[in-house]
Amino acid sequence: MNQQTYGVAFTGSGSAKLETVLTNEQMTRVVDTSDEWITTRTGIRQRHIANVTDSIRSLGGEAARQAIASAGLEPADIDLIILATSTPDDLFGSACQIQHEIGAARAVAFDITAACSGFVFSLVTAAQFIRTGAYQNIVVVGADLLSRLTDWSDRRTCVLFGDGAGAIVMQRCETGDRLLSFEMHSDGSKNDCLNAAYKHESAPLVDDITIQNGQFTPVDMNGREVYRFAVKRVPEVLEKSLFHAGISTDDVDWLILHQANQRILDAAAQRLGIPAERVVSNMANHGNTDAASIPIALDEWVRTGKIKAGDTLALSGFGAGLSWGAAILKWGQ
């Protein structure tokens, strides 16, 4: 007997609003840099920073509530919450905290840690639960407070990162599948190019037993190598995904990449032959928000009416791991 399969629809989006803004001018008072240096090399003019009362729970919950409401659902309708984050409030996971925060008492909840690829990887994971019929309504949240992992004395990295949260709702669809294709890849041999590693020292416990005492270090990045990786792998993975979807770049209404660096966005779009007016970029206002960057950008374009039902979106996340992936989808019911 053949198992019935279902399609996936993308029906709602949301994002959290952070009040605190850290401008490039303010950054010049933190490290030796300039607004011109930051803007010309990254495209970033400001970033939002979580205050002392913000958390992954509160910001992820706000984004999830907005997405659920925009999909015309209630929290009680949600079957599953997947949280993409590298900066959880609890190292054992924060998705369950978001579940409680929004009152989605029926929902299973778990975290996925895949850094800047996390939202795309979580979206693909959610789709499998829908396609097999396991769940009907899923919220995928991307939320990160990279200010927690930033070395504010390292001018190579501290100018890049911001905090934020975004979310989408994915639902079972019996009239077609809006997730047209996806690709995911990893290369652990390049892990040292971008990481927030655990560093430890040995400490005696009892008899001849020693244990590890340590903590996770701030983000460390080889910017040149990450740039080379991104401008090669991102167009490549998108081309493969478009091929599997049976469409071309001419059919793409919006290209939504992880908001890492404007030069990466420009280089990827140029290689793919996608004009700048179809490339989503909110980097100037938000900086690099890790797993949150794609859903925040998507939600902004939806809420301003730029992304409309039926539009074809090409998404790609890339970063630490190293990992990279893409998803081609149709927005809306």
C-alpha atoms as a PDB file:
ATOM      1  CA  MET A   1       0.000   0.000   0.000  1.00  0.00           C
ATOM      2  CA  ASN A   2       1.359   3.413  -0.961  1.00  0.00           C
ATOM      3  CA  GLN A   3       1.625   5.913   1.858  1.00  0.00           C
ATOM      4  CA  GLN A   4      -0.298   9.104   1.188  1.00  0.00           C
ATOM      5  CA  THR A   5       1.831  12.203   0.902  1.00  0.00           C
ATOM      6  CA  TYR A   6       0.790  15.802   1.354  1.00  0.00           C
ATOM      7  CA  GLY A   7       1.941  19.128   0.035  1.00  0.00           C
ATOM      8  CA  VAL A   8       3.381  22.053   1.973  1.00  0.00           C
ATOM      9  CA  ALA A   9       2.008  25.599   1.992  1.00  0.00           C
ATOM     10  CA  PHE A  10       3.640  28.710   3.452  1.00  0.00           C
ATOM     11  CA  THR A  11       0.845  30.718   5.023  1.00  0.00           C
ATOM     12  CA  GLY A  12       2.139  33.240   7.542  1.00  0.00           C
ATOM     13  CA  SER A  13       5.137  35.252   8.675  1.00  0.00           C
ATOM     14  CA  GLY A  14       6.160  37.349  11.638  1.00  0.00           C
ATOM     15  CA  SER A  15       9.132  39.050  13.263  1.00  0.00           C
ATOM     16  CA  ALA A  16      10.055  40.600  16.577  1.00  0.00           C
ATOM     17  CA  LYS A  17      10.647  44.301  17.074  1.00  0.00           C
ATOM     18  CA  LEU A  18      13.780  45.281  19.013  1.00  0.00           C
ATOM     19  CA  GLU A  19      13.873  48.837  20.318  1.00  0.00           C
ATOM     20  CA  THR A  20      17.617  49.277  20.841  1.00  0.00           C
ATOM     21  CA  VAL A  21      19.603  50.314  17.756  1.00  0.00           C
ATOM     22  CA  LEU A  22      23.416  50.359  17.607  1.00  0.00           C
ATOM     23  CA  THR A  23      24.629  52.565  14.749  1.00  0.00           C
ATOM     24  CA  ASN A  24      27.949  52.516  12.958  1.00  0.00           C
ATOM     25  CA  GLU A  25      28.765  55.872  14.516  1.00  0.00           C
ATOM     26  CA  GLN A  26      28.283  54.342  17.955  1.00  0.00           C
ATOM     27  CA  MET A  27      30.488  51.414  16.939  1.00  0.00           C
ATOM     28  CA  THR A  28      33.336  53.878  16.351  1.00  0.00           C
ATOM     29  CA  ARG A  29      33.249  54.507  20.098  1.00  0.00           C
ATOM     30  CA  VAL A  30      33.519  50.783  20.835  1.00  0.00           C
ATOM     31  CA  VAL A  31      36.362  49.808  18.474  1.00  0.00           C
ATOM     32  CA  ASP A  32      38.721  51.534  16.049  1.00  0.00           C
ATOM     33  CA  THR A  33      36.560  51.675  12.921  1.00  0.00           C
ATOM     34  CA  SER A  34      34.469  54.088  10.864  1.00  0.00           C
ATOM     35  CA  ASP A  35      31.016  54.264   9.369  1.00  0.00           C
ATOM     36  CA  GLU A  36      32.555  54.374   5.882  1.00  0.00           C
ATOM     37  CA  TRP A  37      34.697  51.279   6.540  1.00  0.00           C
ATOM     38  CA  ILE A  38      31.740  49.241   7.823  1.00  0.00           C
ATOM     39  CA  THR A  39      29.288  50.391   5.155  1.00  0.00           C
ATOM     40  CA  THR A  40      31.553  49.921   2.134  1.00  0.00           C
ATOM     41  CA  ARG A  41      32.719  46.457   3.207  1.00  0.00           C
ATOM     42  CA  THR A  42      29.471  45.027   4.569  1.00  0.00           C
ATOM     43  CA  GLY A  43      26.497  47.202   3.633  1.00  0.00           C
ATOM     44  CA  ILE A  44      25.564  47.477   7.329  1.00  0.00           C
ATOM     45  CA  ARG A  45      24.619  50.875   8.769  1.00  0.00           C
ATOM     46  CA  GLN A  46      23.053  49.774  12.044  1.00  0.00           C
ATOM     47  CA  ARG A  47      21.983  46.679  13.946  1.00  0.00           C
ATOM     48  CA  HIS A  48      19.425  45.928  16.670  1.00  0.00           C
ATOM     49  CA  ILE A  49      20.677  44.754  20.052  1.00  0.00           C
ATOM     50  CA  ALA A  50      18.663  42.901  22.687  1.00  0.00           C
ATOM     51  CA  ASN A  51      18.226  44.709  25.980  1.00  0.00           C
ATOM     52  CA  VAL A  52      18.450  43.074  29.400  1.00  0.00           C
ATOM     53  CA  THR A  53      14.795  41.968  29.354  1.00  0.00           C
ATOM     54  CA  ASP A  54      14.877  40.412  25.874  1.00  0.00           C
ATOM     55  CA  SER A  55      15.437  36.691  25.340  1.00  0.00           C
ATOM     56  CA  ILE A  56      15.122  33.997  22.689  1.00  0.00           C
ATOM     57  CA  ARG A  57      11.906  33.031  24.453  1.00  0.00           C
ATOM     58  CA  SER A  58      10.372  36.516  24.332  1.00  0.00           C
ATOM     59  CA  LEU A  59      11.555  37.506  20.838  1.00  0.00           C
ATOM     60  CA  GLY A  60      10.942  34.077  19.304  1.00  0.00           C
ATOM     61  CA  GLY A  61       7.526  34.038  20.936  1.00  0.00           C
ATOM     62  CA  GLU A  62       6.642  37.451  19.505  1.00  0.00           C
ATOM     63  CA  ALA A  63       7.656  36.389  15.999  1.00  0.00           C
ATOM     64  CA  ALA A  64       5.758  33.095  16.310  1.00  0.00           C
ATOM     65  CA  ARG A  65       2.573  34.800  17.524  1.00  0.00           C
ATOM     66  CA  GLN A  66       2.645  37.206  14.582  1.00  0.00           C
ATOM     67  CA  ALA A  67       3.179  34.394  12.089  1.00  0.00           C
ATOM     68  CA  ILE A  68       0.359  32.312  13.564  1.00  0.00           C
ATOM     69  CA  ALA A  69      -2.026  35.270  13.464  1.00  0.00           C
ATOM     70  CA  SER A  70      -1.113  36.121   9.866  1.00  0.00           C
ATOM     71  CA  ALA A  71      -1.879  32.520   8.898  1.00  0.00           C
ATOM     72  CA  GLY A  72      -5.334  32.828  10.451  1.00  0.00           C
ATOM     73  CA  LEU A  73      -4.577  30.272  13.159  1.00  0.00           C
ATOM     74  CA  GLU A  74      -4.492  30.138  16.947  1.00  0.00           C
ATOM     75  CA  PRO A  75      -1.591  28.827  19.059  1.00  0.00           C
ATOM     76  CA  ALA A  76      -3.765  25.840  19.988  1.00  0.00           C
ATOM     77  CA  ASP A  77      -3.770  24.818  16.307  1.00  0.00           C
ATOM     78  CA  ILE A  78       0.025  24.355  16.176  1.00  0.00           C
ATOM     79  CA  ASP A  79       1.357  20.788  16.138  1.00  0.00           C
ATOM     80  CA  LEU A  80       5.092  21.464  16.044  1.00  0.00           C
ATOM     81  CA  ILE A  81       7.527  24.317  16.757  1.00  0.00           C
ATOM     82  CA  ILE A  82      11.056  24.132  15.366  1.00  0.00           C
ATOM     83  CA  LEU A  83      13.481  26.766  16.630  1.00  0.00           C
ATOM     84  CA  ALA A  84      16.655  27.504  14.679  1.00  0.00           C
ATOM     85  CA  THR A  85      19.141  29.153  17.035  1.00  0.00           C
ATOM     86  CA  SER A  86      22.778  29.129  18.076  1.00  0.00           C
ATOM     87  CA  THR A  87      22.168  31.279  21.163  1.00  0.00           C
ATOM     88  CA  PRO A  88      19.468  29.551  23.228  1.00  0.00           C
ATOM     89  CA  ASP A  89      18.381  30.824  26.637  1.00  0.00           C
ATOM     90  CA  ASP A  90      18.875  27.259  27.854  1.00  0.00           C
ATOM     91  CA  LEU A  91      21.627  25.069  26.412  1.00  0.00           C
ATOM     92  CA  PHE A  92      19.199  22.149  26.571  1.00  0.00           C
ATOM     93  CA  GLY A  93      16.887  24.017  24.188  1.00  0.00           C
ATOM     94  CA  SER A  94      14.566  27.024  24.038  1.00  0.00           C
ATOM     95  CA  ALA A  95      11.819  25.808  21.684  1.00  0.00           C
ATOM     96  CA  CYS A  96       9.830  24.441  24.626  1.00  0.00           C
ATOM     97  CA  GLN A  97      10.066  27.847  26.293  1.00  0.00           C
ATOM     98  CA  ILE A  98       8.578  29.451  23.177  1.00  0.00           C
ATOM     99  CA  GLN A  99       5.842  26.806  23.150  1.00  0.00           C
ATOM    100  CA  HIS A 100       4.878  27.804  26.684  1.00  0.00           C
ATOM    101  CA  GLU A 101       5.318  31.524  25.958  1.00  0.00           C
ATOM    102  CA  ILE A 102       2.719  31.511  23.176  1.00  0.00           C
ATOM    103  CA  GLY A 103       0.346  28.975  24.734  1.00  0.00           C
ATOM    104  CA  ALA A 104       0.753  26.303  22.048  1.00  0.00           C
ATOM    105  CA  ALA A 105       0.088  23.535  24.554  1.00  0.00           C
ATOM    106  CA  ARG A 106      -0.415  20.777  21.948  1.00  0.00           C
ATOM    107  CA  ALA A 107       2.793  21.453  20.067  1.00  0.00           C
ATOM    108  CA  VAL A 108       5.940  19.371  20.153  1.00  0.00           C
ATOM    109  CA  ALA A 109       8.960  21.689  20.252  1.00  0.00           C
ATOM    110  CA  PHE A 110      12.671  21.273  19.640  1.00  0.00           C
ATOM    111  CA  ASP A 111      15.772  23.242  18.605  1.00  0.00           C
ATOM    112  CA  ILE A 112      18.000  22.869  15.554  1.00  0.00           C
ATOM    113  CA  THR A 113      21.525  24.290  15.715  1.00  0.00           C
ATOM    114  CA  ALA A 114      22.928  24.972  12.254  1.00  0.00           C
ATOM    115  CA  ALA A 115      23.962  28.624  12.622  1.00  0.00           C
ATOM    116  CA  CYS A 116      23.263  30.749   9.541  1.00  0.00           C
ATOM    117  CA  SER A 117      21.885  27.730   7.640  1.00  0.00           C
ATOM    118  CA  GLY A 118      19.569  26.923  10.529  1.00  0.00           C
ATOM    119  CA  PHE A 119      16.372  28.482   9.199  1.00  0.00           C
ATOM    120  CA  VAL A 120      16.593  26.753   5.804  1.00  0.00           C
ATOM    121  CA  PHE A 121      17.506  23.431   7.441  1.00  0.00           C
ATOM    122  CA  SER A 122      14.571  23.814   9.860  1.00  0.00           C
ATOM    123  CA  LEU A 123      12.161  24.665   7.042  1.00  0.00           C
ATOM    124  CA  VAL A 124      13.199  21.529   5.157  1.00  0.00           C
ATOM    125  CA  THR A 125      12.857  19.452   8.331  1.00  0.00           C
ATOM    126  CA  ALA A 126       9.370  20.805   8.967  1.00  0.00           C
ATOM    127  CA  ALA A 127       8.342  19.945   5.416  1.00  0.00           C
ATOM    128  CA  GLN A 128       9.114  16.277   5.976  1.00  0.00           C
ATOM    129  CA  PHE A 129       6.727  16.095   8.947  1.00  0.00           C
ATOM    130  CA  ILE A 130       3.987  17.663   6.818  1.00  0.00           C
ATOM    131  CA  ARG A 131       4.598  15.555   3.722  1.00  0.00           C
ATOM    132  CA  THR A 132       4.359  12.309   5.682  1.00  0.00           C
ATOM    133  CA  GLY A 133       1.142  13.414   7.350  1.00  0.00           C
ATOM    134  CA  ALA A 134       2.632  13.462  10.851  1.00  0.00           C
ATOM    135  CA  TYR A 135       1.722  17.113  11.487  1.00  0.00           C
ATOM    136  CA  GLN A 136      -0.558  19.675   9.897  1.00  0.00           C
ATOM    137  CA  ASN A 137       0.468  23.096  11.270  1.00  0.00           C
ATOM    138  CA  ILE A 138       4.105  23.943  12.021  1.00  0.00           C
ATOM    139  CA  VAL A 139       5.852  27.115  13.147  1.00  0.00           C
ATOM    140  CA  VAL A 140       9.508  27.525  12.164  1.00  0.00           C
ATOM    141  CA  VAL A 141      11.292  30.190  14.189  1.00  0.00           C
ATOM    142  CA  GLY A 142      14.741  31.647  13.508  1.00  0.00           C
ATOM    143  CA  ALA A 143      16.017  33.585  16.525  1.00  0.00           C
ATOM    144  CA  ASP A 144      19.497  34.602  17.610  1.00  0.00           C
ATOM    145  CA  LEU A 145      21.046  37.051  20.039  1.00  0.00           C
ATOM    146  CA  LEU A 146      24.527  37.168  18.570  1.00  0.00           C
ATOM    147  CA  SER A 147      25.424  39.958  20.962  1.00  0.00           C
ATOM    148  CA  ARG A 148      25.818  37.099  23.470  1.00  0.00           C
ATOM    149  CA  LEU A 149      28.600  35.530  21.391  1.00  0.00           C
ATOM    150  CA  THR A 150      30.317  38.694  20.154  1.00  0.00           C
ATOM    151  CA  ASP A 151      33.765  39.802  21.222  1.00  0.00           C
ATOM    152  CA  TRP A 152      33.154  43.545  21.340  1.00  0.00           C
ATOM    153  CA  SER A 153      36.892  44.229  21.178  1.00  0.00           C
ATOM    154  CA  ASP A 154      37.285  42.341  17.873  1.00  0.00           C
ATOM    155  CA  ARG A 155      36.586  44.867  15.128  1.00  0.00           C
ATOM    156  CA  ARG A 156      36.661  42.137  12.454  1.00  0.00           C
ATOM    157  CA  THR A 157      33.465  40.595  13.797  1.00  0.00           C
ATOM    158  CA  CYS A 158      31.672  42.906  16.221  1.00  0.00           C
ATOM    159  CA  VAL A 159      30.544  45.303  13.467  1.00  0.00           C
ATOM    160  CA  LEU A 160      28.718  42.498  11.665  1.00  0.00           C
ATOM    161  CA  PHE A 161      26.244  41.052  14.110  1.00  0.00           C
ATOM    162  CA  GLY A 162      22.816  41.969  15.412  1.00  0.00           C
ATOM    163  CA  ASP A 163      19.958  40.350  17.311  1.00  0.00           C
ATOM    164  CA  GLY A 164      16.509  39.375  16.075  1.00  0.00           C
ATOM    165  CA  ALA A 165      13.794  36.788  15.509  1.00  0.00           C
ATOM    166  CA  GLY A 166      11.514  35.842  12.624  1.00  0.00           C
ATOM    167  CA  ALA A 167       9.050  33.036  11.967  1.00  0.00           C
ATOM    168  CA  ILE A 168       6.864  31.411   9.345  1.00  0.00           C
ATOM    169  CA  VAL A 169       3.895  29.051   9.446  1.00  0.00           C
ATOM    170  CA  MET A 170       3.875  25.968   7.230  1.00  0.00           C
ATOM    171  CA  GLN A 171       0.659  23.982   6.724  1.00  0.00           C
ATOM    172  CA  ARG A 172      -0.489  20.768   5.125  1.00  0.00           C
ATOM    173  CA  CYS A 173      -1.835  21.332   1.635  1.00  0.00           C
ATOM    174  CA  GLU A 174      -3.816  18.812  -0.390  1.00  0.00           C
ATOM    175  CA  THR A 175      -3.892  20.874  -3.605  1.00  0.00           C
ATOM    176  CA  GLY A 176      -0.224  20.830  -4.540  1.00  0.00           C
ATOM    177  CA  ASP A 177       3.165  21.294  -2.930  1.00  0.00           C
ATOM    178  CA  ARG A 178       4.582  24.812  -2.571  1.00  0.00           C
ATOM    179  CA  LEU A 179       8.039  23.588  -1.581  1.00  0.00           C
ATOM    180  CA  LEU A 180       9.383  23.023  -5.073  1.00  0.00           C
ATOM    181  CA  SER A 181      12.860  21.748  -4.164  1.00  0.00           C
ATOM    182  CA  PHE A 182      15.694  21.972  -1.660  1.00  0.00           C
ATOM    183  CA  GLU A 183      19.395  21.207  -1.240  1.00  0.00           C
ATOM    184  CA  MET A 184      21.475  20.943   1.940  1.00  0.00           C
ATOM    185  CA  HIS A 185      25.238  20.461   2.363  1.00  0.00           C
ATOM    186  CA  SER A 186      27.930  20.431   5.051  1.00  0.00           C
ATOM    187  CA  ASP A 187      31.730  20.494   5.110  1.00  0.00           C
ATOM    188  CA  GLY A 188      33.144  19.937   8.576  1.00  0.00           C
ATOM    189  CA  SER A 189      36.716  20.164   7.305  1.00  0.00           C
ATOM    190  CA  LYS A 190      36.223  23.946   7.135  1.00  0.00           C
ATOM    191  CA  ASN A 191      34.772  24.289  10.638  1.00  0.00           C
ATOM    192  CA  ASP A 192      37.689  26.401  11.836  1.00  0.00           C
ATOM    193  CA  CYS A 193      36.745  29.169   9.378  1.00  0.00           C
ATOM    194  CA  LEU A 194      33.715  30.179  11.443  1.00  0.00           C
ATOM    195  CA  ASN A 195      32.885  28.917  14.912  1.00  0.00           C
ATOM    196  CA  ALA A 196      32.169  29.645  18.566  1.00  0.00           C
ATOM    197  CA  ALA A 197      34.157  26.757  19.978  1.00  0.00           C
ATOM    198  CA  TYR A 198      34.131  25.200  23.439  1.00  0.00           C
ATOM    199  CA  LYS A 199      37.494  25.723  25.150  1.00  0.00           C
ATOM    200  CA  HIS A 200      38.436  23.814  28.270  1.00  0.00           C
ATOM    201  CA  GLU A 201      41.168  22.915  30.684  1.00  0.00           C
ATOM    202  CA  SER A 202      41.560  19.649  32.570  1.00  0.00           C
ATOM    203  CA  ALA A 203      40.770  19.610  36.267  1.00  0.00           C
ATOM    204  CA  PRO A 204      41.187  16.752  38.773  1.00  0.00           C
ATOM    205  CA  LEU A 205      37.984  15.279  40.202  1.00  0.00           C
ATOM    206  CA  VAL A 206      38.858  12.220  42.266  1.00  0.00           C
ATOM    207  CA  ASP A 207      41.577   9.559  42.147  1.00  0.00           C
ATOM    208  CA  ASP A 208      42.916   9.490  38.568  1.00  0.00           C
ATOM    209  CA  ILE A 209      39.741  10.955  37.026  1.00  0.00           C
ATOM    210  CA  THR A 210      39.961  14.363  35.352  1.00  0.00           C
ATOM    211  CA  ILE A 211      37.135  16.479  33.985  1.00  0.00           C
ATOM    212  CA  GLN A 212      36.802  19.414  31.584  1.00  0.00           C
ATOM    213  CA  ASN A 213      36.242  22.932  32.889  1.00  0.00           C
ATOM    214  CA  GLY A 214      35.553  25.539  30.244  1.00  0.00           C
ATOM    215  CA  GLN A 215      33.102  27.649  28.279  1.00  0.00           C
ATOM    216  CA  PHE A 216      32.113  28.594  24.742  1.00  0.00           C
ATOM    217  CA  THR A 217      34.238  31.309  23.169  1.00  0.00           C
ATOM    218  CA  PRO A 218      33.007  34.335  21.174  1.00  0.00           C
ATOM    219  CA  VAL A 219      32.512  34.032  17.419  1.00  0.00           C
ATOM    220  CA  ASP A 220      35.761  33.620  15.520  1.00  0.00           C
ATOM    221  CA  MET A 221      35.782  34.032  11.750  1.00  0.00           C
ATOM    222  CA  ASN A 222      38.188  33.964   8.842  1.00  0.00           C
ATOM    223  CA  GLY A 223      36.293  36.542   6.813  1.00  0.00           C
ATOM    224  CA  ARG A 224      38.220  36.044   3.584  1.00  0.00           C
ATOM    225  CA  GLU A 225      37.669  32.284   3.539  1.00  0.00           C
ATOM    226  CA  VAL A 226      33.991  32.593   4.446  1.00  0.00           C
ATOM    227  CA  TYR A 227      33.506  35.081   1.607  1.00  0.00           C
ATOM    228  CA  ARG A 228      35.180  32.738  -0.888  1.00  0.00           C
ATOM    229  CA  PHE A 229      33.069  29.849   0.358  1.00  0.00           C
ATOM    230  CA  ALA A 230      29.819  31.806   0.129  1.00  0.00           C
ATOM    231  CA  VAL A 231      30.266  33.298  -3.338  1.00  0.00           C
ATOM    232  CA  LYS A 232      31.051  29.826  -4.697  1.00  0.00           C
ATOM    233  CA  ARG A 233      28.614  27.599  -2.819  1.00  0.00           C
ATOM    234  CA  VAL A 234      25.524  29.824  -2.660  1.00  0.00           C
ATOM    235  CA  PRO A 235      25.011  30.247  -6.437  1.00  0.00           C
ATOM    236  CA  GLU A 236      25.906  26.583  -6.907  1.00  0.00           C
ATOM    237  CA  VAL A 237      23.308  25.300  -4.434  1.00  0.00           C
ATOM    238  CA  LEU A 238      20.653  27.640  -5.802  1.00  0.00           C
ATOM    239  CA  GLU A 239      21.335  26.531  -9.386  1.00  0.00           C
ATOM    240  CA  LYS A 240      20.909  22.891  -8.341  1.00  0.00           C
ATOM    241  CA  SER A 241      17.707  23.666  -6.480  1.00  0.00           C
ATOM    242  CA  LEU A 242      16.266  25.586  -9.418  1.00  0.00           C
ATOM    243  CA  PHE A 243      17.155  22.699 -11.730  1.00  0.00           C
ATOM    244  CA  HIS A 244      15.378  20.196  -9.482  1.00  0.00           C
ATOM    245  CA  ALA A 245      12.376  22.523  -9.289  1.00  0.00           C
ATOM    246  CA  GLY A 246      12.249  22.629 -13.078  1.00  0.00           C
ATOM    247  CA  ILE A 247      12.464  26.405 -13.266  1.00  0.00           C
ATOM    248  CA  SER A 248      15.060  29.054 -14.145  1.00  0.00           C
ATOM    249  CA  THR A 249      16.243  32.245 -12.501  1.00  0.00           C
ATOM    250  CA  ASP A 250      13.786  34.123 -14.736  1.00  0.00           C
ATOM    251  CA  ASP A 251      10.987  32.471 -12.743  1.00  0.00           C
ATOM    252  CA  VAL A 252      12.306  33.705  -9.384  1.00  0.00           C
ATOM    253  CA  ASP A 253      10.400  36.706  -8.052  1.00  0.00           C
ATOM    254  CA  TRP A 254      12.582  37.198  -4.974  1.00  0.00           C
ATOM    255  CA  LEU A 255      16.031  35.989  -3.953  1.00  0.00           C
ATOM    256  CA  ILE A 256      16.311  35.899  -0.141  1.00  0.00           C
ATOM    257  CA  LEU A 257      19.792  35.055   1.087  1.00  0.00           C
ATOM    258  CA  HIS A 258      21.165  34.952   4.601  1.00  0.00           C
ATOM    259  CA  GLN A 259      22.020  38.581   5.309  1.00  0.00           C
ATOM    260  CA  ALA A 260      25.741  38.127   5.955  1.00  0.00           C
ATOM    261  CA  ASN A 261      27.382  40.748   3.751  1.00  0.00           C
ATOM    262  CA  GLN A 262      26.036  42.904   0.929  1.00  0.00           C
ATOM    263  CA  ARG A 263      29.009  41.987  -1.246  1.00  0.00           C
ATOM    264  CA  ILE A 264      28.061  38.304  -0.943  1.00  0.00           C
ATOM    265  CA  LEU A 265      24.468  39.087  -1.948  1.00  0.00           C
ATOM    266  CA  ASP A 266      25.650  41.137  -4.919  1.00  0.00           C
ATOM    267  CA  ALA A 267      28.144  38.508  -6.092  1.00  0.00           C
ATOM    268  CA  ALA A 268      25.637  35.649  -5.813  1.00  0.00           C
ATOM    269  CA  ALA A 269      22.917  37.568  -7.649  1.00  0.00           C
ATOM    270  CA  GLN A 270      25.326  38.575 -10.404  1.00  0.00           C
ATOM    271  CA  ARG A 271      26.450  34.991 -10.973  1.00  0.00           C
ATOM    272  CA  LEU A 272      22.832  33.814 -11.070  1.00  0.00           C
ATOM    273  CA  GLY A 273      21.796  36.643 -13.375  1.00  0.00           C
ATOM    274  CA  ILE A 274      19.145  37.935 -10.981  1.00  0.00           C
ATOM    275  CA  PRO A 275      18.736  41.744 -11.108  1.00  0.00           C
ATOM    276  CA  ALA A 276      19.267  43.748  -7.936  1.00  0.00           C
ATOM    277  CA  GLU A 277      15.621  44.816  -7.742  1.00  0.00           C
ATOM    278  CA  ARG A 278      14.645  41.171  -7.097  1.00  0.00           C
ATOM    279  CA  VAL A 279      17.203  40.658  -4.322  1.00  0.00           C
ATOM    280  CA  VAL A 280      15.869  41.093  -0.784  1.00  0.00           C
ATOM    281  CA  SER A 281      18.276  43.019   1.448  1.00  0.00           C
ATOM    282  CA  ASN A 282      17.599  44.562   4.850  1.00  0.00           C
ATOM    283  CA  MET A 283      21.207  44.286   5.962  1.00  0.00           C
ATOM    284  CA  ALA A 284      21.678  48.026   6.299  1.00  0.00           C
ATOM    285  CA  ASN A 285      19.163  48.089   9.161  1.00  0.00           C
ATOM    286  CA  HIS A 286      19.702  44.718  10.834  1.00  0.00           C
ATOM    287  CA  GLY A 287      23.199  43.408  10.163  1.00  0.00           C
ATOM    288  CA  ASN A 288      23.835  39.668  10.374  1.00  0.00           C
ATOM    289  CA  THR A 289      21.248  38.060  12.673  1.00  0.00           C
ATOM    290  CA  ASP A 290      22.288  34.443  12.002  1.00  0.00           C
ATOM    291  CA  ALA A 291      19.292  32.077  11.766  1.00  0.00           C
ATOM    292  CA  ALA A 292      16.891  35.011  12.108  1.00  0.00           C
ATOM    293  CA  SER A 293      18.041  36.889   9.014  1.00  0.00           C
ATOM    294  CA  ILE A 294      16.004  35.114   6.323  1.00  0.00           C
ATOM    295  CA  PRO A 295      12.642  35.069   8.169  1.00  0.00           C
ATOM    296  CA  ILE A 296      13.040  38.708   9.269  1.00  0.00           C
ATOM    297  CA  ALA A 297      13.729  39.802   5.690  1.00  0.00           C
ATOM    298  CA  LEU A 298      10.916  37.646   4.332  1.00  0.00           C
ATOM    299  CA  ASP A 299       8.419  39.047   6.839  1.00  0.00           C
ATOM    300  CA  GLU A 300       9.399  42.642   6.050  1.00  0.00           C
ATOM    301  CA  TRP A 301       8.816  42.086   2.348  1.00  0.00           C
ATOM    302  CA  VAL A 302       5.488  40.319   3.008  1.00  0.00           C
ATOM    303  CA  ARG A 303       4.195  43.028   5.315  1.00  0.00           C
ATOM    304  CA  THR A 304       5.135  45.832   2.923  1.00  0.00           C
ATOM    305  CA  GLY A 305       3.263  44.032   0.121  1.00  0.00           C
ATOM    306  CA  LYS A 306       6.322  43.305  -1.972  1.00  0.00           C
ATOM    307  CA  ILE A 307       6.019  39.519  -1.614  1.00  0.00           C
ATOM    308  CA  LYS A 308       2.573  38.408  -2.724  1.00  0.00           C
ATOM    309  CA  ALA A 309       0.743  35.083  -2.769  1.00  0.00           C
ATOM    310  CA  GLY A 310       1.992  32.977  -5.646  1.00  0.00           C
ATOM    311  CA  ASP A 311       5.443  34.572  -5.774  1.00  0.00           C
ATOM    312  CA  THR A 312       8.386  32.221  -6.253  1.00  0.00           C
ATOM    313  CA  LEU A 313      11.075  32.640  -3.588  1.00  0.00           C
ATOM    314  CA  ALA A 314      14.621  31.312  -3.712  1.00  0.00           C
ATOM    315  CA  LEU A 315      16.098  31.053  -0.212  1.00  0.00           C
ATOM    316  CA  SER A 316      19.661  30.213   0.760  1.00  0.00           C
ATOM    317  CA  GLY A 317      21.374  30.010   4.132  1.00  0.00           C
ATOM    318  CA  PHE A 318      25.109  29.534   4.580  1.00  0.00           C
ATOM    319  CA  GLY A 319      27.689  29.795   7.314  1.00  0.00           C
ATOM    320  CA  ALA A 320      29.202  28.020  10.292  1.00  0.00           C
ATOM    321  CA  GLY A 321      29.691  24.311  10.075  1.00  0.00           C
ATOM    322  CA  LEU A 322      30.493  24.999   7.339  1.00  0.00           C
ATOM    323  CA  SER A 323      26.991  24.422   6.048  1.00  0.00           C
ATOM    324  CA  TRP A 324      24.840  25.716   3.228  1.00  0.00           C
ATOM    325  CA  GLY A 325      21.438  25.030   1.740  1.00  0.00           C
ATOM    326  CA  ALA A 326      18.657  26.361  -0.440  1.00  0.00           C
ATOM    327  CA  ALA A 327      14.900  26.057  -0.797  1.00  0.00           C
ATOM    328  CA  ILE A 328      12.673  27.078  -3.708  1.00  0.00           C
ATOM    329  CA  LEU A 329       9.070  27.738  -2.735  1.00  0.00           C
ATOM    330  CA  LYS A 330       5.805  29.398  -3.703  1.00  0.00           C
ATOM    331  CA  TRP A 331       4.522  31.804  -1.087  1.00  0.00           C
ATOM    332  CA  GLY A 332       0.926  31.552   0.134  1.00  0.00           C
ATOM    333  CA  GLN A 333      -1.906  29.042   0.238  1.00  0.00           C
END
